[in-house]
């Protein structure tokens, strides 16, 4: 814990002590007194310092972990997470948005394969069922931490995509470089609980809240050129929308 961080606990207050501790750590993070990546004292040290029980301190830390402000890392301890990625709802790729925000994007390609389109994907891409499409599964990182699990389906022959190129550049950048002119997209945003496999890849517990985004992108000829179904860590990611009165 930063030595200049002081706690002011009111033991006579009806506000639970764990919540007072959590709120004061949260405020220190907001002020910048605890910078992203800062490590907290362990529970025993913090409990001794504050004169509190270890379960009380553990509850405060877990509250902030659940809010996405802290993260527990095996062998490292409890750290302040990197700032949440805030993304405008525009026809841009996550890779481009992260790079503009200085978030050091990185990608791990989990799978890249040509598969027969099932009826749902075929309908979305306006192709006959059974037509071979390119299916991508990627894990996107920001500032060294997993942020999103991305699934995409593309009609064949759009661009010469390889695992190496997808780990070095964003999908939309590669499509643009191949001459694909993306103009409009239909997008649906929702939420879900993480499955065991999603939690493992995203370093979240099973059942943790995830944001979902399903998007179909069309080119300037009205052809569907990409369909994506993605999940994002709600603790690290949010979407911003500007509303205009009509």
Protein backbone atom coordinates (compact mmCIF):
# COMPACT_ATOMS: atom_id res chain seq x y z
CA UNK A 1 0.00 0.00 0.00
CA UNK A 2 1.27 3.49 -0.76
CA UNK A 3 2.76 4.91 2.48
CA UNK A 4 1.04 8.28 1.98
CA UNK A 5 -2.39 6.67 1.79
CA UNK A 6 -4.24 7.27 5.05
CA UNK A 7 -7.48 5.69 6.22
CA UNK A 8 -10.10 7.49 8.28
CA UNK A 9 -12.40 4.82 9.69
CA UNK A 10 -15.45 5.69 11.77
CA UNK A 11 -16.03 2.67 13.99
CA UNK A 12 -19.23 4.13 15.40
CA UNK A 13 -20.78 4.59 11.96
CA UNK A 14 -23.55 2.27 10.73
CA UNK A 15 -21.58 2.00 7.47
CA UNK A 16 -19.76 -1.38 7.55
CA UNK A 17 -16.02 -1.14 8.08
CA UNK A 18 -15.26 -3.24 4.99
CA UNK A 19 -17.23 -0.74 2.89
CA UNK A 20 -15.39 2.23 4.43
CA UNK A 21 -12.06 0.59 3.58
CA UNK A 22 -13.19 -0.24 0.04
CA UNK A 23 -14.51 3.27 -0.60
CA UNK A 24 -11.28 4.89 0.59
CA UNK A 25 -9.14 2.62 -1.58
CA UNK A 26 -11.50 3.34 -4.49
CA UNK A 27 -11.13 7.09 -3.94
CA UNK A 28 -7.34 6.76 -3.79
CA UNK A 29 -7.44 4.98 -7.16
CA UNK A 30 -9.68 7.69 -8.62
CA UNK A 31 -7.34 10.45 -7.38
CA UNK A 32 -4.31 8.66 -8.78
CA UNK A 33 -2.70 8.05 -5.40
CA UNK A 34 -2.80 4.37 -6.31
CA UNK A 35 -1.69 4.14 -9.93
CA UNK A 36 -2.53 1.23 -12.27
CA UNK A 37 -0.25 -1.67 -11.43
CA UNK A 38 0.28 -0.58 -7.80
CA UNK A 39 0.39 -3.47 -5.35
CA UNK A 40 -1.53 -3.45 -2.10
CA UNK A 41 -0.26 -4.80 1.19
CA UNK A 42 -1.41 -8.36 1.76
CA UNK A 43 -4.52 -8.94 3.85
CA UNK A 44 -2.61 -9.69 7.05
CA UNK A 45 -0.45 -6.56 6.79
CA UNK A 46 -3.40 -4.35 5.94
CA UNK A 47 -5.54 -5.81 8.73
CA UNK A 48 -2.74 -5.23 11.28
CA UNK A 49 -2.20 -1.70 10.03
CA UNK A 50 -5.88 -0.79 10.31
CA UNK A 51 -6.64 -2.76 13.44
CA UNK A 52 -9.29 -4.79 11.63
CA UNK A 53 -10.00 -8.47 11.29
CA UNK A 54 -8.64 -10.28 8.27
CA UNK A 55 -12.14 -11.28 7.03
CA UNK A 56 -13.15 -7.58 7.05
CA UNK A 57 -10.14 -6.64 4.92
CA UNK A 58 -10.70 -9.64 2.66
CA UNK A 59 -14.32 -8.53 2.10
CA UNK A 60 -13.19 -4.99 1.20
CA UNK A 61 -10.66 -6.28 -1.31
CA UNK A 62 -13.13 -8.74 -2.85
CA UNK A 63 -15.66 -5.92 -3.22
CA UNK A 64 -13.13 -3.94 -5.26
CA UNK A 65 -12.13 -7.00 -7.27
CA UNK A 66 -15.79 -7.51 -8.17
CA UNK A 67 -16.03 -3.85 -9.20
CA UNK A 68 -13.02 -4.31 -11.49
CA UNK A 69 -10.73 -1.91 -9.61
CA UNK A 70 -8.39 -4.55 -8.20
CA UNK A 71 -7.12 -7.86 -9.52
CA UNK A 72 -5.54 -10.78 -7.70
CA UNK A 73 -2.56 -12.37 -9.46
CA UNK A 74 -0.97 -15.56 -8.27
CA UNK A 75 2.61 -14.96 -7.18
CA UNK A 76 2.19 -11.19 -7.45
CA UNK A 77 -0.55 -10.22 -5.03
CA UNK A 78 -3.38 -7.71 -5.29
CA UNK A 79 -2.89 -4.91 -7.82
CA UNK A 80 -4.76 -1.90 -9.12
CA UNK A 81 -5.97 -2.77 -12.60
CA UNK A 82 -5.15 -0.77 -15.67
CA UNK A 83 -7.70 1.88 -16.60
CA UNK A 84 -10.92 0.63 -18.14
CA UNK A 85 -11.06 0.74 -21.92
CA UNK A 86 -13.82 3.12 -23.02
CA UNK A 87 -14.88 2.70 -26.62
CA UNK A 88 -17.20 4.85 -28.69
CA UNK A 89 -19.84 2.98 -30.65
CA UNK A 90 -18.50 3.55 -34.14
CA UNK A 91 -17.58 1.39 -37.14
CA UNK A 92 -14.04 0.82 -35.92
CA UNK A 93 -12.17 -2.23 -34.73
CA UNK A 94 -11.17 -2.87 -31.14
CA UNK A 95 -7.54 -3.07 -32.27
CA UNK A 96 -7.69 0.42 -33.81
CA UNK A 97 -9.43 1.87 -30.75
CA UNK A 98 -6.90 0.38 -28.35
CA UNK A 99 -3.98 1.62 -30.39
CA UNK A 100 -5.39 5.15 -30.51
CA UNK A 101 -5.91 5.04 -26.75
CA UNK A 102 -2.29 3.98 -26.18
CA UNK A 103 -3.37 0.64 -24.66
CA UNK A 104 -0.71 -1.52 -26.40
CA UNK A 105 -3.02 -4.03 -28.13
CA UNK A 106 -1.84 -7.59 -28.64
CA UNK A 107 -3.59 -10.60 -30.14
CA UNK A 108 -3.38 -14.36 -29.77
CA UNK A 109 -4.98 -16.32 -32.60
CA UNK A 110 -6.66 -19.36 -31.05
CA UNK A 111 -8.00 -20.75 -34.32
CA UNK A 112 -8.12 -19.81 -38.00
CA UNK A 113 -9.96 -22.30 -40.19
CA UNK A 114 -12.22 -22.67 -43.19
CA UNK A 115 -15.51 -24.30 -42.16
CA UNK A 116 -18.93 -24.91 -43.77
CA UNK A 117 -21.37 -22.15 -42.89
CA UNK A 118 -24.30 -23.35 -40.81
CA UNK A 119 -27.76 -21.99 -41.56
CA UNK A 120 -27.47 -19.07 -39.12
CA UNK A 121 -24.11 -17.80 -40.44
CA UNK A 122 -25.14 -18.45 -44.03
CA UNK A 123 -28.28 -16.37 -43.54
CA UNK A 124 -26.34 -13.52 -41.97
CA UNK A 125 -23.73 -13.49 -44.76
CA UNK A 126 -26.36 -14.09 -47.49
CA UNK A 127 -24.64 -17.20 -48.84
CA UNK A 128 -25.91 -20.76 -49.32
CA UNK A 129 -25.68 -23.00 -46.25
CA UNK A 130 -22.61 -25.21 -46.45
CA UNK A 131 -20.54 -22.58 -48.26
CA UNK A 132 -17.05 -22.48 -46.84
CA UNK A 133 -16.36 -19.43 -44.69
CA UNK A 134 -13.34 -18.30 -42.72
CA UNK A 135 -13.83 -18.64 -38.94
CA UNK A 136 -11.53 -16.77 -36.58
CA UNK A 137 -11.17 -17.03 -32.82
CA UNK A 138 -8.83 -14.53 -31.19
CA UNK A 139 -7.95 -13.35 -27.71
CA UNK A 140 -7.30 -9.61 -27.53
CA UNK A 141 -5.04 -8.12 -24.85
CA UNK A 142 -4.67 -4.53 -23.64
CA UNK A 143 -1.72 -3.44 -21.50
CA UNK A 144 -0.76 -7.08 -21.09
CA UNK A 145 -4.14 -8.27 -19.75
CA UNK A 146 -6.82 -10.26 -21.62
CA UNK A 147 -9.69 -7.98 -22.59
CA UNK A 148 -11.89 -9.69 -25.18
CA UNK A 149 -12.60 -13.02 -26.82
CA UNK A 150 -13.43 -12.44 -30.48
CA UNK A 151 -15.20 -14.76 -32.94
CA UNK A 152 -15.57 -13.73 -36.58
CA UNK A 153 -16.94 -15.32 -39.74
CA UNK A 154 -16.00 -13.96 -43.21
CA UNK A 155 -16.95 -14.94 -46.76
CA UNK A 156 -14.08 -16.65 -48.60
CA UNK A 157 -11.60 -14.72 -50.68
CA UNK A 158 -11.95 -11.29 -49.08
CA UNK A 159 -8.39 -10.95 -47.85
CA UNK A 160 -5.28 -13.12 -47.44
CA UNK A 161 -5.55 -13.53 -43.67
CA UNK A 162 -2.99 -15.53 -41.72
CA UNK A 163 -2.46 -16.10 -38.00
CA UNK A 164 0.75 -14.07 -38.21
CA UNK A 165 -0.92 -11.08 -39.88
CA UNK A 166 -3.84 -11.16 -37.43
CA UNK A 167 -1.44 -11.10 -34.49
CA UNK A 168 0.35 -8.08 -35.92
CA UNK A 169 -2.57 -6.02 -37.27
CA UNK A 170 -6.30 -5.59 -36.69
CA UNK A 171 -8.88 -7.42 -38.81
CA UNK A 172 -10.44 -4.23 -40.16
CA UNK A 173 -7.01 -2.86 -41.07
CA UNK A 174 -6.26 -6.02 -43.04
CA UNK A 175 -9.63 -5.88 -44.79
CA UNK A 176 -9.13 -2.24 -45.73
CA UNK A 177 -5.66 -3.06 -47.05
CA UNK A 178 -7.24 -5.72 -49.26
CA UNK A 179 -9.61 -3.15 -50.76
CA UNK A 180 -12.72 -3.94 -48.72
CA UNK A 181 -14.72 -0.73 -48.19
CA UNK A 182 -16.71 -1.15 -44.99
CA UNK A 183 -19.53 1.36 -44.74
CA UNK A 184 -22.24 0.31 -42.28
CA UNK A 185 -22.87 -2.27 -39.58
CA UNK A 186 -25.74 -3.62 -37.52
CA UNK A 187 -24.71 -4.11 -33.92
CA UNK A 188 -26.35 -5.52 -30.80
CA UNK A 189 -24.90 -5.06 -27.31
CA UNK A 190 -25.82 -7.22 -24.35
CA UNK A 191 -24.45 -9.05 -21.33
CA UNK A 192 -23.91 -12.61 -20.12
CA UNK A 193 -22.24 -14.65 -17.42
CA UNK A 194 -18.82 -16.08 -18.26
CA UNK A 195 -18.64 -19.77 -19.02
CA UNK A 196 -15.81 -21.82 -17.55
CA UNK A 197 -13.81 -21.66 -20.80
CA UNK A 198 -14.41 -17.92 -21.26
CA UNK A 199 -13.41 -17.30 -17.66
CA UNK A 200 -10.21 -19.27 -18.12
CA UNK A 201 -9.19 -17.33 -21.24
CA UNK A 202 -10.19 -13.92 -19.86
CA UNK A 203 -8.85 -14.56 -16.34
CA UNK A 204 -12.28 -14.08 -14.81
CA UNK A 205 -14.21 -16.39 -12.51
CA UNK A 206 -16.97 -18.54 -13.96
CA UNK A 207 -20.20 -16.51 -13.89
CA UNK A 208 -18.42 -13.13 -13.95
CA UNK A 209 -20.29 -10.46 -15.96
CA UNK A 210 -19.21 -10.07 -19.57
CA UNK A 211 -20.35 -7.56 -22.17
CA UNK A 212 -21.41 -9.05 -25.50
CA UNK A 213 -21.36 -7.47 -28.93
CA UNK A 214 -22.74 -9.04 -32.10
CA UNK A 215 -22.00 -7.10 -35.29
CA UNK A 216 -22.50 -7.64 -39.01
CA UNK A 217 -20.55 -5.29 -41.28
CA UNK A 218 -21.45 -4.41 -44.87
CA UNK A 219 -19.37 -2.89 -47.66
CA UNK A 220 -20.28 -0.03 -49.99
CA UNK A 221 -22.12 -2.52 -52.24
CA UNK A 222 -24.32 -3.71 -49.39
CA UNK A 223 -22.61 -7.10 -49.10
CA UNK A 224 -22.02 -8.64 -45.67
CA UNK A 225 -18.24 -8.86 -45.34
CA UNK A 226 -17.85 -9.82 -41.68
CA UNK A 227 -19.91 -11.13 -38.79
CA UNK A 228 -18.57 -11.01 -35.27
CA UNK A 229 -19.72 -12.31 -31.90
CA UNK A 230 -17.50 -11.05 -29.10
CA UNK A 231 -17.36 -11.01 -25.31
CA UNK A 232 -15.54 -8.40 -23.21
CA UNK A 233 -14.53 -8.21 -19.56
CA UNK A 234 -17.07 -5.83 -18.01
CA UNK A 235 -14.50 -4.89 -15.36
CA UNK A 236 -12.12 -3.59 -18.06
CA UNK A 237 -14.35 -2.39 -20.88
CA UNK A 238 -17.29 -0.08 -21.53
CA UNK A 239 -19.08 1.44 -24.50
CA UNK A 240 -19.86 5.14 -24.87
CA UNK A 241 -22.74 6.50 -26.93
CA UNK A 242 -23.49 10.10 -27.82
CA UNK A 243 -27.24 10.83 -27.91
CA UNK A 244 -28.73 13.61 -30.03
CA UNK A 245 -32.23 15.00 -29.57
CA UNK A 246 -34.42 14.88 -32.66
